[in-house]
């Protein structure tokens, strides 16, 4: 499971969902909430898959692919999605 820099497990369902998708796509779980998807080995094609999986798994989520590129960490992406839903 992805952990924050303090070692605490993700405390929201949205962060858990994003981290689980990253784990499946990247095939490892050694990353923190602040790590950039690209810095830990992800590429643009994989990030597009992340976006598609999020749309499939998060009810009523509409998120442009560019927003996923602009918010490449678990924490930043979760914050963006929460802000857009309110």
PDB file of N, CA and C in Angstrom:
ATOM      1  N   UNK A   1       0.842  -1.178   0.000  1.00  0.00           N
ATOM      2  CA  UNK A   1       0.000   0.000   0.000  1.00  0.00           C
ATOM      3  C   UNK A   1       0.883   1.235   0.000  1.00  0.00           C
ATOM      4  N   UNK A   2       0.509   2.221  -0.758  1.00  0.00           N
ATOM      5  CA  UNK A   2       1.251   3.473  -0.786  1.00  0.00           C
ATOM      6  C   UNK A   2       1.136   4.158   0.557  1.00  0.00           C
ATOM      7  N   UNK A   3       2.209   4.781   0.972  1.00  0.00           N
ATOM      8  CA  UNK A   3       2.187   5.483   2.249  1.00  0.00           C
ATOM      9  C   UNK A   3       2.662   6.909   2.062  1.00  0.00           C
ATOM     10  N   UNK A   4       2.289   7.760   2.990  1.00  0.00           N
ATOM     11  CA  UNK A   4       2.755   9.136   2.974  1.00  0.00           C
ATOM     12  C   UNK A   4       4.195   9.168   3.457  1.00  0.00           C
ATOM     13  N   UNK A   5       4.810  10.334   3.367  1.00  0.00           N
ATOM     14  CA  UNK A   5       6.175  10.466   3.829  1.00  0.00           C
ATOM     15  C   UNK A   5       6.300  10.157   5.315  1.00  0.00           C
ATOM     16  N   UNK A   6       5.245  10.361   6.088  1.00  0.00           N
ATOM     17  CA  UNK A   6       5.297  10.058   7.521  1.00  0.00           C
ATOM     18  C   UNK A   6       5.091   8.575   7.796  1.00  0.00           C
ATOM     19  N   UNK A   7       4.740   7.808   6.768  1.00  0.00           N
ATOM     20  CA  UNK A   7       4.527   6.384   6.941  1.00  0.00           C
ATOM     21  C   UNK A   7       3.094   6.013   7.232  1.00  0.00           C
ATOM     22  N   UNK A   8       2.212   6.984   7.342  1.00  0.00           N
ATOM     23  CA  UNK A   8       0.805   6.694   7.623  1.00  0.00           C
ATOM     24  C   UNK A   8       0.108   6.238   6.353  1.00  0.00           C
ATOM     25  N   UNK A   9      -0.785   5.281   6.496  1.00  0.00           N
ATOM     26  CA  UNK A   9      -1.549   4.797   5.343  1.00  0.00           C
ATOM     27  C   UNK A   9      -2.490   5.889   4.851  1.00  0.00           C
ATOM     28  N   UNK A  10      -2.852   5.829   3.591  1.00  0.00           N
ATOM     29  CA  UNK A  10      -3.775   6.813   3.011  1.00  0.00           C
ATOM     30  C   UNK A  10      -5.037   6.901   3.858  1.00  0.00           C
ATOM     31  N   UNK A  11      -5.474   8.131   4.135  1.00  0.00           N
ATOM     32  CA  UNK A  11      -6.599   8.284   5.061  1.00  0.00           C
ATOM     33  C   UNK A  11      -7.914   8.611   4.372  1.00  0.00           C
ATOM     34  N   UNK A  12      -7.952   8.600   3.091  1.00  0.00           N
ATOM     35  CA  UNK A  12      -9.216   8.820   2.406  1.00  0.00           C
ATOM     36  C   UNK A  12      -9.451   7.732   1.373  1.00  0.00           C
ATOM     37  N   UNK A  13     -10.703   7.488   1.123  1.00  0.00           N
ATOM     38  CA  UNK A  13     -11.055   6.481   0.124  1.00  0.00           C
ATOM     39  C   UNK A  13     -10.533   6.867  -1.257  1.00  0.00           C
ATOM     40  N   UNK A  14     -10.595   8.162  -1.587  1.00  0.00           N
ATOM     41  CA  UNK A  14     -10.127   8.617  -2.893  1.00  0.00           C
ATOM     42  C   UNK A  14      -8.631   8.366  -3.052  1.00  0.00           C
ATOM     43  N   UNK A  15      -7.837   8.705  -2.050  1.00  0.00           N
ATOM     44  CA  UNK A  15      -6.405   8.439  -2.133  1.00  0.00           C
ATOM     45  C   UNK A  15      -6.125   6.941  -2.215  1.00  0.00           C
ATOM     46  N   UNK A  16      -6.887   6.139  -1.457  1.00  0.00           N
ATOM     47  CA  UNK A  16      -6.742   4.685  -1.549  1.00  0.00           C
ATOM     48  C   UNK A  16      -7.015   4.198  -2.969  1.00  0.00           C
ATOM     49  N   UNK A  17      -8.053   4.736  -3.591  1.00  0.00           N
ATOM     50  CA  UNK A  17      -8.422   4.336  -4.956  1.00  0.00           C
ATOM     51  C   UNK A  17      -7.326   4.703  -5.938  1.00  0.00           C
ATOM     52  N   UNK A  18      -6.838   5.939  -5.857  1.00  0.00           N
ATOM     53  CA  UNK A  18      -5.770   6.381  -6.762  1.00  0.00           C
ATOM     54  C   UNK A  18      -4.527   5.521  -6.564  1.00  0.00           C
ATOM     55  N   UNK A  19      -4.138   5.307  -5.307  1.00  0.00           N
ATOM     56  CA  UNK A  19      -2.947   4.502  -5.022  1.00  0.00           C
ATOM     57  C   UNK A  19      -3.103   3.073  -5.538  1.00  0.00           C
ATOM     58  N   UNK A  20      -4.276   2.489  -5.391  1.00  0.00           N
ATOM     59  CA  UNK A  20      -4.503   1.119  -5.874  1.00  0.00           C
ATOM     60  C   UNK A  20      -4.371   1.041  -7.395  1.00  0.00           C
ATOM     61  N   UNK A  21      -4.878   2.051  -8.077  1.00  0.00           N
ATOM     62  CA  UNK A  21      -4.755   2.079  -9.546  1.00  0.00           C
ATOM     63  C   UNK A  21      -3.290   2.224  -9.941  1.00  0.00           C
ATOM     64  N   UNK A  22      -2.570   3.118  -9.283  1.00  0.00           N
ATOM     65  CA  UNK A  22      -1.138   3.267  -9.562  1.00  0.00           C
ATOM     66  C   UNK A  22      -0.422   1.941  -9.355  1.00  0.00           C
ATOM     67  N   UNK A  23      -0.724   1.257  -8.244  1.00  0.00           N
ATOM     68  CA  UNK A  23      -0.053  -0.008  -7.946  1.00  0.00           C
ATOM     69  C   UNK A  23      -0.266  -1.025  -9.058  1.00  0.00           C
ATOM     70  N   UNK A  24      -1.489  -1.109  -9.545  1.00  0.00           N
ATOM     71  CA  UNK A  24      -1.784  -2.065 -10.624  1.00  0.00           C
ATOM     72  C   UNK A  24      -1.053  -1.695 -11.905  1.00  0.00           C
ATOM     73  N   UNK A  25      -1.051  -0.431 -12.236  1.00  0.00           N
ATOM     74  CA  UNK A  25      -0.460   0.000 -13.509  1.00  0.00           C
ATOM     75  C   UNK A  25       1.069  -0.045 -13.457  1.00  0.00           C
ATOM     76  N   UNK A  26       1.627   0.403 -12.335  1.00  0.00           N
ATOM     77  CA  UNK A  26       3.085   0.441 -12.213  1.00  0.00           C
ATOM     78  C   UNK A  26       3.676  -0.892 -11.773  1.00  0.00           C
ATOM     79  N   UNK A  27       2.825  -1.755 -11.224  1.00  0.00           N
ATOM     80  CA  UNK A  27       3.227  -3.076 -10.745  1.00  0.00           C
ATOM     81  C   UNK A  27       4.221  -3.016  -9.586  1.00  0.00           C
ATOM     82  N   UNK A  28       4.103  -1.969  -8.765  1.00  0.00           N
ATOM     83  CA  UNK A  28       4.823  -1.888  -7.500  1.00  0.00           C
ATOM     84  C   UNK A  28       4.113  -0.881  -6.609  1.00  0.00           C
ATOM     85  N   UNK A  29       4.453  -0.914  -5.316  1.00  0.00           N
ATOM     86  CA  UNK A  29       3.750  -0.037  -4.383  1.00  0.00           C
ATOM     87  C   UNK A  29       4.685   0.804  -3.520  1.00  0.00           C
ATOM     88  N   UNK A  30       5.913   0.946  -3.947  1.00  0.00           N
ATOM     89  CA  UNK A  30       6.902   1.696  -3.178  1.00  0.00           C
ATOM     90  C   UNK A  30       6.917   3.160  -3.611  1.00  0.00           C
ATOM     91  N   UNK A  31       5.854   3.887  -3.228  1.00  0.00           N
ATOM     92  CA  UNK A  31       5.784   5.313  -3.531  1.00  0.00           C
ATOM     93  C   UNK A  31       4.987   6.010  -2.438  1.00  0.00           C
ATOM     94  N   UNK A  32       5.207   7.300  -2.335  1.00  0.00           N
ATOM     95  CA  UNK A  32       4.501   8.108  -1.340  1.00  0.00           C
ATOM     96  C   UNK A  32       3.464   8.990  -2.004  1.00  0.00           C
ATOM     97  N   UNK A  33       2.649   9.614  -1.186  1.00  0.00           N
ATOM     98  CA  UNK A  33       1.558  10.459  -1.703  1.00  0.00           C
ATOM     99  C   UNK A  33       2.056  11.631  -2.516  1.00  0.00           C
ATOM    100  N   UNK A  34       3.250  12.130  -2.203  1.00  0.00           N
ATOM    101  CA  UNK A  34       3.785  13.308  -2.873  1.00  0.00           C
ATOM    102  C   UNK A  34       4.636  12.961  -4.099  1.00  0.00           C
ATOM    103  N   UNK A  35       4.913  11.689  -4.308  1.00  0.00           N
ATOM    104  CA  UNK A  35       5.760  11.301  -5.439  1.00  0.00           C
ATOM    105  C   UNK A  35       5.056  11.548  -6.764  1.00  0.00           C
ATOM    106  N   UNK A  36       5.806  12.092  -7.697  1.00  0.00           N
ATOM    107  CA  UNK A  36       5.282  12.298  -9.047  1.00  0.00           C
ATOM    108  C   UNK A  36       5.228  10.963  -9.774  1.00  0.00           C
ATOM    109  N   UNK A  37       4.128  10.730 -10.456  1.00  0.00           N
ATOM    110  CA  UNK A  37       3.950   9.516 -11.239  1.00  0.00           C
ATOM    111  C   UNK A  37       5.127   9.313 -12.191  1.00  0.00           C
ATOM    112  N   UNK A  38       5.598  10.392 -12.786  1.00  0.00           N
ATOM    113  CA  UNK A  38       6.698  10.304 -13.750  1.00  0.00           C
ATOM    114  C   UNK A  38       8.033  10.041 -13.081  1.00  0.00           C
ATOM    115  N   UNK A  39       8.251  10.618 -11.901  1.00  0.00           N
ATOM    116  CA  UNK A  39       9.516  10.427 -11.196  1.00  0.00           C
ATOM    117  C   UNK A  39       9.702   9.003 -10.697  1.00  0.00           C
ATOM    118  N   UNK A  40       8.606   8.280 -10.494  1.00  0.00           N
ATOM    119  CA  UNK A  40       8.736   6.899 -10.004  1.00  0.00           C
ATOM    120  C   UNK A  40       8.640   5.867 -11.128  1.00  0.00           C
ATOM    121  N   UNK A  41       8.693   6.356 -12.370  1.00  0.00           N
ATOM    122  CA  UNK A  41       8.784   5.422 -13.499  1.00  0.00           C
ATOM    123  C   UNK A  41       7.580   5.340 -14.402  1.00  0.00           C
ATOM    124  N   UNK A  42       6.509   6.061 -14.079  1.00  0.00           N
ATOM    125  CA  UNK A  42       5.331   6.051 -14.932  1.00  0.00           C
ATOM    126  C   UNK A  42       5.557   6.857 -16.203  1.00  0.00           C
ATOM    127  N   UNK A  43       4.796   6.549 -17.229  1.00  0.00           N
ATOM    128  CA  UNK A  43       4.906   7.305 -18.471  1.00  0.00           C
ATOM    129  C   UNK A  43       3.532   7.837 -18.879  1.00  0.00           C
ATOM    130  N   UNK A  44       3.504   8.609 -19.950  1.00  0.00           N
ATOM    131  CA  UNK A  44       2.270   9.280 -20.359  1.00  0.00           C
ATOM    132  C   UNK A  44       1.169   8.303 -20.761  1.00  0.00           C
ATOM    133  N   UNK A  45       1.527   7.200 -21.366  1.00  0.00           N
ATOM    134  CA  UNK A  45       0.512   6.210 -21.739  1.00  0.00           C
ATOM    135  C   UNK A  45      -0.106   5.583 -20.492  1.00  0.00           C
ATOM    136  N   UNK A  46       0.715   5.279 -19.515  1.00  0.00           N
ATOM    137  CA  UNK A  46       0.214   4.711 -18.268  1.00  0.00           C
ATOM    138  C   UNK A  46      -0.674   5.713 -17.528  1.00  0.00           C
ATOM    139  N   UNK A  47      -0.311   6.996 -17.578  1.00  0.00           N
ATOM    140  CA  UNK A  47      -1.116   7.996 -16.895  1.00  0.00           C
ATOM    141  C   UNK A  47      -2.492   8.137 -17.553  1.00  0.00           C
ATOM    142  N   UNK A  48      -2.550   7.962 -18.862  1.00  0.00           N
ATOM    143  CA  UNK A  48      -3.842   7.971 -19.550  1.00  0.00           C
ATOM    144  C   UNK A  48      -4.698   6.799 -19.078  1.00  0.00           C
ATOM    145  N   UNK A  49      -4.078   5.667 -18.831  1.00  0.00           N
ATOM    146  CA  UNK A  49      -4.801   4.505 -18.307  1.00  0.00           C
ATOM    147  C   UNK A  49      -5.296   4.796 -16.896  1.00  0.00           C
ATOM    148  N   UNK A  50      -4.466   5.458 -16.088  1.00  0.00           N
ATOM    149  CA  UNK A  50      -4.881   5.857 -14.739  1.00  0.00           C
ATOM    150  C   UNK A  50      -6.142   6.705 -14.826  1.00  0.00           C
ATOM    151  N   UNK A  51      -6.145   7.680 -15.715  1.00  0.00           N
ATOM    152  CA  UNK A  51      -7.309   8.559 -15.876  1.00  0.00           C
ATOM    153  C   UNK A  51      -8.552   7.751 -16.237  1.00  0.00           C
ATOM    154  N   UNK A  52      -8.426   6.847 -17.176  1.00  0.00           N
ATOM    155  CA  UNK A  52      -9.573   6.036 -17.596  1.00  0.00           C
ATOM    156  C   UNK A  52     -10.085   5.149 -16.463  1.00  0.00           C
ATOM    157  N   UNK A  53      -9.190   4.574 -15.706  1.00  0.00           N
ATOM    158  CA  UNK A  53      -9.587   3.743 -14.564  1.00  0.00           C
ATOM    159  C   UNK A  53     -10.298   4.568 -13.500  1.00  0.00           C
ATOM    160  N   UNK A  54      -9.802   5.782 -13.251  1.00  0.00           N
ATOM    161  CA  UNK A  54     -10.458   6.660 -12.278  1.00  0.00           C
ATOM    162  C   UNK A  54     -11.885   6.980 -12.697  1.00  0.00           C
ATOM    163  N   UNK A  55     -12.068   7.295 -13.961  1.00  0.00           N
ATOM    164  CA  UNK A  55     -13.409   7.606 -14.467  1.00  0.00           C
ATOM    165  C   UNK A  55     -14.323   6.395 -14.304  1.00  0.00           C
ATOM    166  N   UNK A  56     -13.786   5.209 -14.510  1.00  0.00           N
ATOM    167  CA  UNK A  56     -14.576   3.989 -14.346  1.00  0.00           C
ATOM    168  C   UNK A  56     -14.912   3.697 -12.879  1.00  0.00           C
ATOM    169  N   UNK A  57     -14.005   4.011 -11.967  1.00  0.00           N
ATOM    170  CA  UNK A  57     -14.159   3.594 -10.575  1.00  0.00           C
ATOM    171  C   UNK A  57     -14.746   4.650  -9.639  1.00  0.00           C
ATOM    172  N   UNK A  58     -14.633   5.916  -9.986  1.00  0.00           N
ATOM    173  CA  UNK A  58     -15.147   6.972  -9.110  1.00  0.00           C
ATOM    174  C   UNK A  58     -16.477   7.471  -9.684  1.00  0.00           C
ATOM    175  N   UNK A  59     -17.553   7.286  -8.944  1.00  0.00           N
ATOM    176  CA  UNK A  59     -18.877   7.678  -9.441  1.00  0.00           C
ATOM    177  C   UNK A  59     -18.941   9.154  -9.829  1.00  0.00           C
ATOM    178  N   UNK A  60     -19.518   9.414 -10.989  1.00  0.00           N
ATOM    179  CA  UNK A  60     -19.770  10.771 -11.491  1.00  0.00           C
ATOM    180  C   UNK A  60     -18.513  11.590 -11.715  1.00  0.00           C
ATOM    181  N   UNK A  61     -17.376  10.957 -11.856  1.00  0.00           N
ATOM    182  CA  UNK A  61     -16.136  11.697 -12.073  1.00  0.00           C
ATOM    183  C   UNK A  61     -15.959  12.031 -13.544  1.00  0.00           C
ATOM    184  N   UNK A  62     -15.760  13.294 -13.796  1.00  0.00           N
ATOM    185  CA  UNK A  62     -15.374  13.769 -15.120  1.00  0.00           C
ATOM    186  C   UNK A  62     -14.078  14.527 -14.925  1.00  0.00           C
ATOM    187  N   UNK A  63     -13.026  14.025 -15.520  1.00  0.00           N
ATOM    188  CA  UNK A  63     -11.718  14.656 -15.352  1.00  0.00           C
ATOM    189  C   UNK A  63     -10.974  14.636 -16.676  1.00  0.00           C
ATOM    190  N   UNK A  64     -10.556  15.803 -17.144  1.00  0.00           N
ATOM    191  CA  UNK A  64      -9.801  15.833 -18.395  1.00  0.00           C
ATOM    192  C   UNK A  64      -8.407  15.239 -18.203  1.00  0.00           C
ATOM    193  N   UNK A  65      -7.902  14.629 -19.223  1.00  0.00           N
ATOM    194  CA  UNK A  65      -6.584  14.006 -19.149  1.00  0.00           C
ATOM    195  C   UNK A  65      -5.521  15.024 -18.753  1.00  0.00           C
ATOM    196  N   UNK A  66      -5.619  16.239 -19.252  1.00  0.00           N
ATOM    197  CA  UNK A  66      -4.624  17.263 -18.920  1.00  0.00           C
ATOM    198  C   UNK A  66      -4.578  17.527 -17.422  1.00  0.00           C
ATOM    199  N   UNK A  67      -5.696  17.422 -16.725  1.00  0.00           N
ATOM    200  CA  UNK A  67      -5.713  17.638 -15.276  1.00  0.00           C
ATOM    201  C   UNK A  67      -4.919  16.558 -14.551  1.00  0.00           C
ATOM    202  N   UNK A  68      -4.947  15.346 -15.071  1.00  0.00           N
ATOM    203  CA  UNK A  68      -4.183  14.256 -14.459  1.00  0.00           C
ATOM    204  C   UNK A  68      -2.690  14.524 -14.646  1.00  0.00           C
ATOM    205  N   UNK A  69      -2.301  15.050 -15.800  1.00  0.00           N
ATOM    206  CA  UNK A  69      -0.899  15.419 -16.039  1.00  0.00           C
ATOM    207  C   UNK A  69      -0.472  16.574 -15.136  1.00  0.00           C
ATOM    208  N   UNK A  70      -1.368  17.504 -14.887  1.00  0.00           N
ATOM    209  CA  UNK A  70      -1.048  18.679 -14.074  1.00  0.00           C
ATOM    210  C   UNK A  70      -0.993  18.368 -12.580  1.00  0.00           C
ATOM    211  N   UNK A  71      -1.543  17.249 -12.171  1.00  0.00           N
ATOM    212  CA  UNK A  71      -1.581  16.846 -10.757  1.00  0.00           C
ATOM    213  C   UNK A  71      -1.043  15.418 -10.649  1.00  0.00           C
ATOM    214  N   UNK A  72       0.277  15.242 -10.830  1.00  0.00           N
ATOM    215  CA  UNK A  72       0.832  13.889 -10.991  1.00  0.00           C
ATOM    216  C   UNK A  72       1.130  13.110  -9.715  1.00  0.00           C
ATOM    217  N   UNK A  73       0.743  13.616  -8.543  1.00  0.00           N
ATOM    218  CA  UNK A  73       0.934  12.821  -7.328  1.00  0.00           C
ATOM    219  C   UNK A  73      -0.427  12.367  -6.795  1.00  0.00           C
ATOM    220  N   UNK A  74      -0.415  11.344  -5.969  1.00  0.00           N
ATOM    221  CA  UNK A  74      -1.663  10.847  -5.372  1.00  0.00           C
ATOM    222  C   UNK A  74      -2.356  11.983  -4.626  1.00  0.00           C
ATOM    223  N   UNK A  75      -1.618  12.683  -3.796  1.00  0.00           N
ATOM    224  CA  UNK A  75      -2.203  13.749  -2.984  1.00  0.00           C
ATOM    225  C   UNK A  75      -2.745  14.892  -3.849  1.00  0.00           C
ATOM    226  N   UNK A  76      -1.972  15.338  -4.826  1.00  0.00           N
ATOM    227  CA  UNK A  76      -2.409  16.454  -5.676  1.00  0.00           C
ATOM    228  C   UNK A  76      -3.627  16.076  -6.508  1.00  0.00           C
ATOM    229  N   UNK A  77      -3.636  14.876  -7.029  1.00  0.00           N
ATOM    230  CA  UNK A  77      -4.762  14.442  -7.851  1.00  0.00           C
ATOM    231  C   UNK A  77      -6.027  14.299  -7.011  1.00  0.00           C
ATOM    232  N   UNK A  78      -5.891  13.745  -5.820  1.00  0.00           N
ATOM    233  CA  UNK A  78      -7.050  13.607  -4.931  1.00  0.00           C
ATOM    234  C   UNK A  78      -7.601  14.986  -4.551  1.00  0.00           C
ATOM    235  N   UNK A  79      -6.720  15.924  -4.253  1.00  0.00           N
ATOM    236  CA  UNK A  79      -7.155  17.278  -3.890  1.00  0.00           C
ATOM    237  C   UNK A  79      -7.866  17.937  -5.068  1.00  0.00           C
ATOM    238  N   UNK A  80      -7.332  17.765  -6.264  1.00  0.00           N
ATOM    239  CA  UNK A  80      -7.973  18.341  -7.454  1.00  0.00           C
ATOM    240  C   UNK A  80      -9.378  17.772  -7.640  1.00  0.00           C
ATOM    241  N   UNK A  81      -9.493  16.462  -7.538  1.00  0.00           N
ATOM    242  CA  UNK A  81     -10.794  15.818  -7.735  1.00  0.00           C
ATOM    243  C   UNK A  81     -11.793  16.288  -6.673  1.00  0.00           C
ATOM    244  N   UNK A  82     -11.358  16.345  -5.425  1.00  0.00           N
ATOM    245  CA  UNK A  82     -12.250  16.826  -4.363  1.00  0.00           C
ATOM    246  C   UNK A  82     -12.701  18.265  -4.645  1.00  0.00           C
ATOM    247  N   UNK A  83     -11.778  19.113  -5.064  1.00  0.00           N
ATOM    248  CA  UNK A  83     -12.126  20.511  -5.357  1.00  0.00           C
ATOM    249  C   UNK A  83     -13.121  20.617  -6.503  1.00  0.00           C
ATOM    250  N   UNK A  84     -12.997  19.755  -7.496  1.00  0.00           N
ATOM    251  CA  UNK A  84     -13.888  19.798  -8.665  1.00  0.00           C
ATOM    252  C   UNK A  84     -15.274  19.262  -8.359  1.00  0.00           C
ATOM    253  N   UNK A  85     -15.373  18.396  -7.384  1.00  0.00           N
ATOM    254  CA  UNK A  85     -16.664  17.795  -7.063  1.00  0.00           C
ATOM    255  C   UNK A  85     -17.501  18.663  -6.151  1.00  0.00           C
ATOM    256  N   UNK A  86     -16.959  19.719  -5.594  1.00  0.00           N
ATOM    257  CA  UNK A  86     -17.708  20.578  -4.669  1.00  0.00           C
ATOM    258  C   UNK A  86     -18.016  21.872  -5.287  1.00  0.00           C
TER     259      UNK A  86
END
